[in-house]
N, C-alpha and C. Protein backbone atom coordinates (compact mmCIF):
# COMPACT_ATOMS: atom_id res chain seq x y z
N MET A 1 114.89 116.22 127.38
CA MET A 1 115.12 115.17 126.40
C MET A 1 116.54 114.65 126.52
N SER A 2 116.71 113.45 126.09
CA SER A 2 118.04 112.86 126.15
C SER A 2 118.87 113.32 124.96
N ARG A 3 120.16 113.07 125.03
CA ARG A 3 121.06 113.44 123.94
C ARG A 3 120.70 112.70 122.66
N ARG A 4 120.32 111.45 122.80
CA ARG A 4 119.98 110.63 121.63
C ARG A 4 118.75 111.20 120.93
N THR A 5 117.78 111.60 121.71
CA THR A 5 116.56 112.20 121.14
C THR A 5 116.89 113.51 120.45
N ASP A 6 117.73 114.34 121.07
CA ASP A 6 118.13 115.61 120.46
C ASP A 6 118.87 115.38 119.15
N LYS A 7 119.75 114.40 119.13
CA LYS A 7 120.51 114.10 117.92
C LYS A 7 119.58 113.63 116.81
N LEU A 8 118.64 112.78 117.14
CA LEU A 8 117.68 112.28 116.15
C LEU A 8 116.79 113.41 115.64
N THR A 9 116.35 114.26 116.54
CA THR A 9 115.52 115.40 116.15
C THR A 9 116.28 116.32 115.21
N ASN A 10 117.53 116.61 115.52
CA ASN A 10 118.34 117.47 114.65
C ASN A 10 118.55 116.84 113.28
N GLU A 11 118.76 115.53 113.24
CA GLU A 11 118.94 114.84 111.96
C GLU A 11 117.67 114.92 111.12
N LEU A 12 116.52 114.73 111.75
CA LEU A 12 115.26 114.82 111.02
C LEU A 12 115.01 116.23 110.50
N ILE A 13 115.36 117.23 111.30
CA ILE A 13 115.20 118.62 110.86
C ILE A 13 116.11 118.91 109.67
N GLN A 14 117.34 118.42 109.71
CA GLN A 14 118.26 118.62 108.59
C GLN A 14 117.75 117.94 107.33
N ARG A 15 117.22 116.74 107.47
CA ARG A 15 116.67 116.04 106.31
C ARG A 15 115.47 116.79 105.74
N TYR A 16 114.61 117.29 106.61
CA TYR A 16 113.45 118.06 106.16
C TYR A 16 113.89 119.31 105.41
N ARG A 17 114.86 120.03 105.94
CA ARG A 17 115.34 121.24 105.28
C ARG A 17 115.94 120.91 103.91
N LEU A 18 116.68 119.79 103.83
CA LEU A 18 117.26 119.38 102.55
C LEU A 18 116.17 118.99 101.56
N LEU A 19 115.15 118.27 102.03
CA LEU A 19 114.03 117.91 101.16
C LEU A 19 113.32 119.15 100.63
N LYS A 20 113.14 120.12 101.50
CA LYS A 20 112.48 121.37 101.10
C LYS A 20 113.31 122.10 100.05
N ALA A 21 114.61 122.16 100.25
CA ALA A 21 115.50 122.83 99.29
C ALA A 21 115.49 122.13 97.94
N VAL A 22 115.55 120.80 97.96
CA VAL A 22 115.53 120.03 96.72
C VAL A 22 114.21 120.24 96.00
N HIS A 23 113.12 120.22 96.74
CA HIS A 23 111.80 120.42 96.15
C HIS A 23 111.72 121.78 95.44
N VAL A 24 112.16 122.83 96.12
CA VAL A 24 112.10 124.17 95.53
C VAL A 24 112.98 124.26 94.29
N CYS A 25 114.17 123.68 94.34
CA CYS A 25 115.08 123.74 93.19
C CYS A 25 114.52 122.97 91.99
N TYR A 26 113.89 121.84 92.23
CA TYR A 26 113.27 121.09 91.13
C TYR A 26 112.03 121.82 90.62
N TYR A 27 111.26 122.39 91.50
CA TYR A 27 110.03 123.07 91.11
C TYR A 27 110.33 124.26 90.19
N ASN A 28 111.46 124.88 90.39
CA ASN A 28 111.85 126.03 89.57
C ASN A 28 112.32 125.63 88.18
N ARG A 29 112.50 124.33 87.93
CA ARG A 29 112.96 123.86 86.61
C ARG A 29 111.76 123.54 85.72
N LEU A 30 111.06 124.54 85.29
CA LEU A 30 109.88 124.35 84.45
C LEU A 30 110.23 124.11 82.99
N ASP A 31 111.51 124.21 82.64
CA ASP A 31 111.95 124.01 81.26
C ASP A 31 112.19 122.54 80.92
N VAL A 32 112.05 121.65 81.88
CA VAL A 32 112.37 120.23 81.70
C VAL A 32 111.09 119.40 81.66
N ASP A 33 111.12 118.32 80.89
CA ASP A 33 109.98 117.40 80.81
C ASP A 33 109.70 116.81 82.20
N VAL A 34 108.47 116.82 82.58
CA VAL A 34 108.06 116.38 83.92
C VAL A 34 108.43 114.92 84.19
N PHE A 35 108.36 114.08 83.19
CA PHE A 35 108.66 112.66 83.37
C PHE A 35 110.09 112.46 83.86
N PHE A 36 111.05 113.07 83.17
CA PHE A 36 112.46 112.91 83.54
C PHE A 36 112.77 113.60 84.86
N LEU A 37 112.18 114.76 85.05
CA LEU A 37 112.39 115.50 86.29
C LEU A 37 111.82 114.72 87.48
N GLY A 38 110.65 114.12 87.30
CA GLY A 38 110.01 113.35 88.37
C GLY A 38 110.82 112.14 88.77
N ARG A 39 111.35 111.43 87.79
CA ARG A 39 112.17 110.24 88.10
C ARG A 39 113.37 110.63 88.95
N GLU A 40 114.05 111.68 88.54
CA GLU A 40 115.22 112.12 89.29
C GLU A 40 114.83 112.64 90.67
N PHE A 41 113.74 113.40 90.74
CA PHE A 41 113.28 113.95 92.02
C PHE A 41 112.99 112.84 93.03
N PHE A 42 112.24 111.82 92.61
CA PHE A 42 111.90 110.76 93.55
C PHE A 42 113.11 109.91 93.92
N SER A 43 114.06 109.79 93.04
CA SER A 43 115.30 109.09 93.37
C SER A 43 116.07 109.85 94.45
N VAL A 44 116.17 111.16 94.28
CA VAL A 44 116.90 111.99 95.25
C VAL A 44 116.18 112.02 96.60
N THR A 45 114.87 112.21 96.58
CA THR A 45 114.14 112.26 97.85
C THR A 45 114.19 110.92 98.58
N GLY A 46 114.19 109.83 97.84
CA GLY A 46 114.33 108.51 98.46
C GLY A 46 115.68 108.37 99.16
N ASP A 47 116.73 108.83 98.50
CA ASP A 47 118.06 108.78 99.11
C ASP A 47 118.12 109.63 100.38
N ILE A 48 117.50 110.79 100.34
CA ILE A 48 117.50 111.67 101.52
C ILE A 48 116.76 110.99 102.67
N MET A 49 115.62 110.40 102.39
CA MET A 49 114.83 109.74 103.45
C MET A 49 115.57 108.54 104.04
N GLU A 50 116.40 107.88 103.23
CA GLU A 50 117.19 106.75 103.72
C GLU A 50 118.46 107.20 104.43
N GLY A 51 118.76 108.49 104.38
CA GLY A 51 119.94 109.01 105.05
C GLY A 51 121.19 108.94 104.19
N LYS A 52 121.05 108.66 102.91
CA LYS A 52 122.19 108.60 102.01
C LYS A 52 122.54 110.01 101.53
N PRO A 53 123.82 110.25 101.27
CA PRO A 53 124.18 111.57 100.71
C PRO A 53 123.75 111.67 99.25
N ILE A 54 123.52 112.88 98.80
CA ILE A 54 123.13 113.09 97.41
C ILE A 54 124.37 113.03 96.53
N ASN A 55 124.31 112.21 95.48
CA ASN A 55 125.40 112.12 94.52
C ASN A 55 125.09 113.06 93.36
N TYR A 56 125.58 114.29 93.45
CA TYR A 56 125.27 115.30 92.45
C TYR A 56 125.86 114.98 91.09
N ALA A 57 126.91 114.15 91.04
CA ALA A 57 127.54 113.81 89.76
C ALA A 57 126.60 113.02 88.87
N GLN A 58 125.68 112.27 89.45
CA GLN A 58 124.75 111.46 88.67
C GLN A 58 123.49 112.22 88.26
N LEU A 59 123.30 113.39 88.81
CA LEU A 59 122.06 114.13 88.57
C LEU A 59 122.20 115.07 87.38
N GLN A 60 121.14 115.18 86.64
CA GLN A 60 121.14 116.00 85.44
C GLN A 60 120.47 117.36 85.66
N TYR A 61 119.49 117.42 86.52
CA TYR A 61 118.65 118.61 86.64
C TYR A 61 118.80 119.36 87.95
N LEU A 62 119.58 118.84 88.88
CA LEU A 62 119.73 119.49 90.18
C LEU A 62 121.15 120.01 90.33
N ASP A 63 121.27 121.26 90.71
CA ASP A 63 122.57 121.89 90.88
C ASP A 63 122.88 122.03 92.37
N GLU A 64 124.04 121.55 92.76
CA GLU A 64 124.43 121.58 94.17
C GLU A 64 124.50 123.02 94.70
N LYS A 65 124.96 123.94 93.86
CA LYS A 65 125.08 125.34 94.29
C LYS A 65 123.72 125.95 94.59
N GLN A 66 122.71 125.59 93.81
CA GLN A 66 121.36 126.11 94.06
C GLN A 66 120.82 125.60 95.40
N VAL A 67 121.05 124.33 95.67
CA VAL A 67 120.58 123.73 96.92
C VAL A 67 121.27 124.39 98.10
N GLU A 68 122.59 124.55 98.02
CA GLU A 68 123.33 125.18 99.11
C GLU A 68 122.89 126.64 99.32
N ALA A 69 122.66 127.35 98.23
CA ALA A 69 122.21 128.74 98.34
C ALA A 69 120.85 128.82 99.01
N TYR A 70 119.95 127.90 98.66
CA TYR A 70 118.63 127.90 99.29
C TYR A 70 118.74 127.58 100.78
N LEU A 71 119.59 126.62 101.13
CA LEU A 71 119.74 126.26 102.54
C LEU A 71 120.31 127.43 103.35
N LYS A 72 121.25 128.17 102.79
CA LYS A 72 121.79 129.34 103.49
C LYS A 72 120.73 130.42 103.66
N GLU A 73 119.92 130.61 102.61
CA GLU A 73 118.88 131.63 102.64
C GLU A 73 117.76 131.26 103.61
N ASP A 74 117.48 129.99 103.75
CA ASP A 74 116.36 129.50 104.57
C ASP A 74 116.63 129.60 106.06
N ARG A 75 117.86 129.74 106.47
CA ARG A 75 118.20 129.79 107.89
C ARG A 75 117.61 131.00 108.48
């Protein structure tokens, strides 16, 4: 494979791992109303799919430390 293909593949894998971590962290928040949690979840996943960084300051239900801990554990 070419370098460009490898770079694209690695980026897609990183996005998938981040999506998986975000999904697990939101799924564990059973104490929150599904409507509000869903709106925030789909906003975050949309940003990830577009390649935008997650702005944790605007989020109410997702903790950056939980996501990072899950990503470290998942390796």
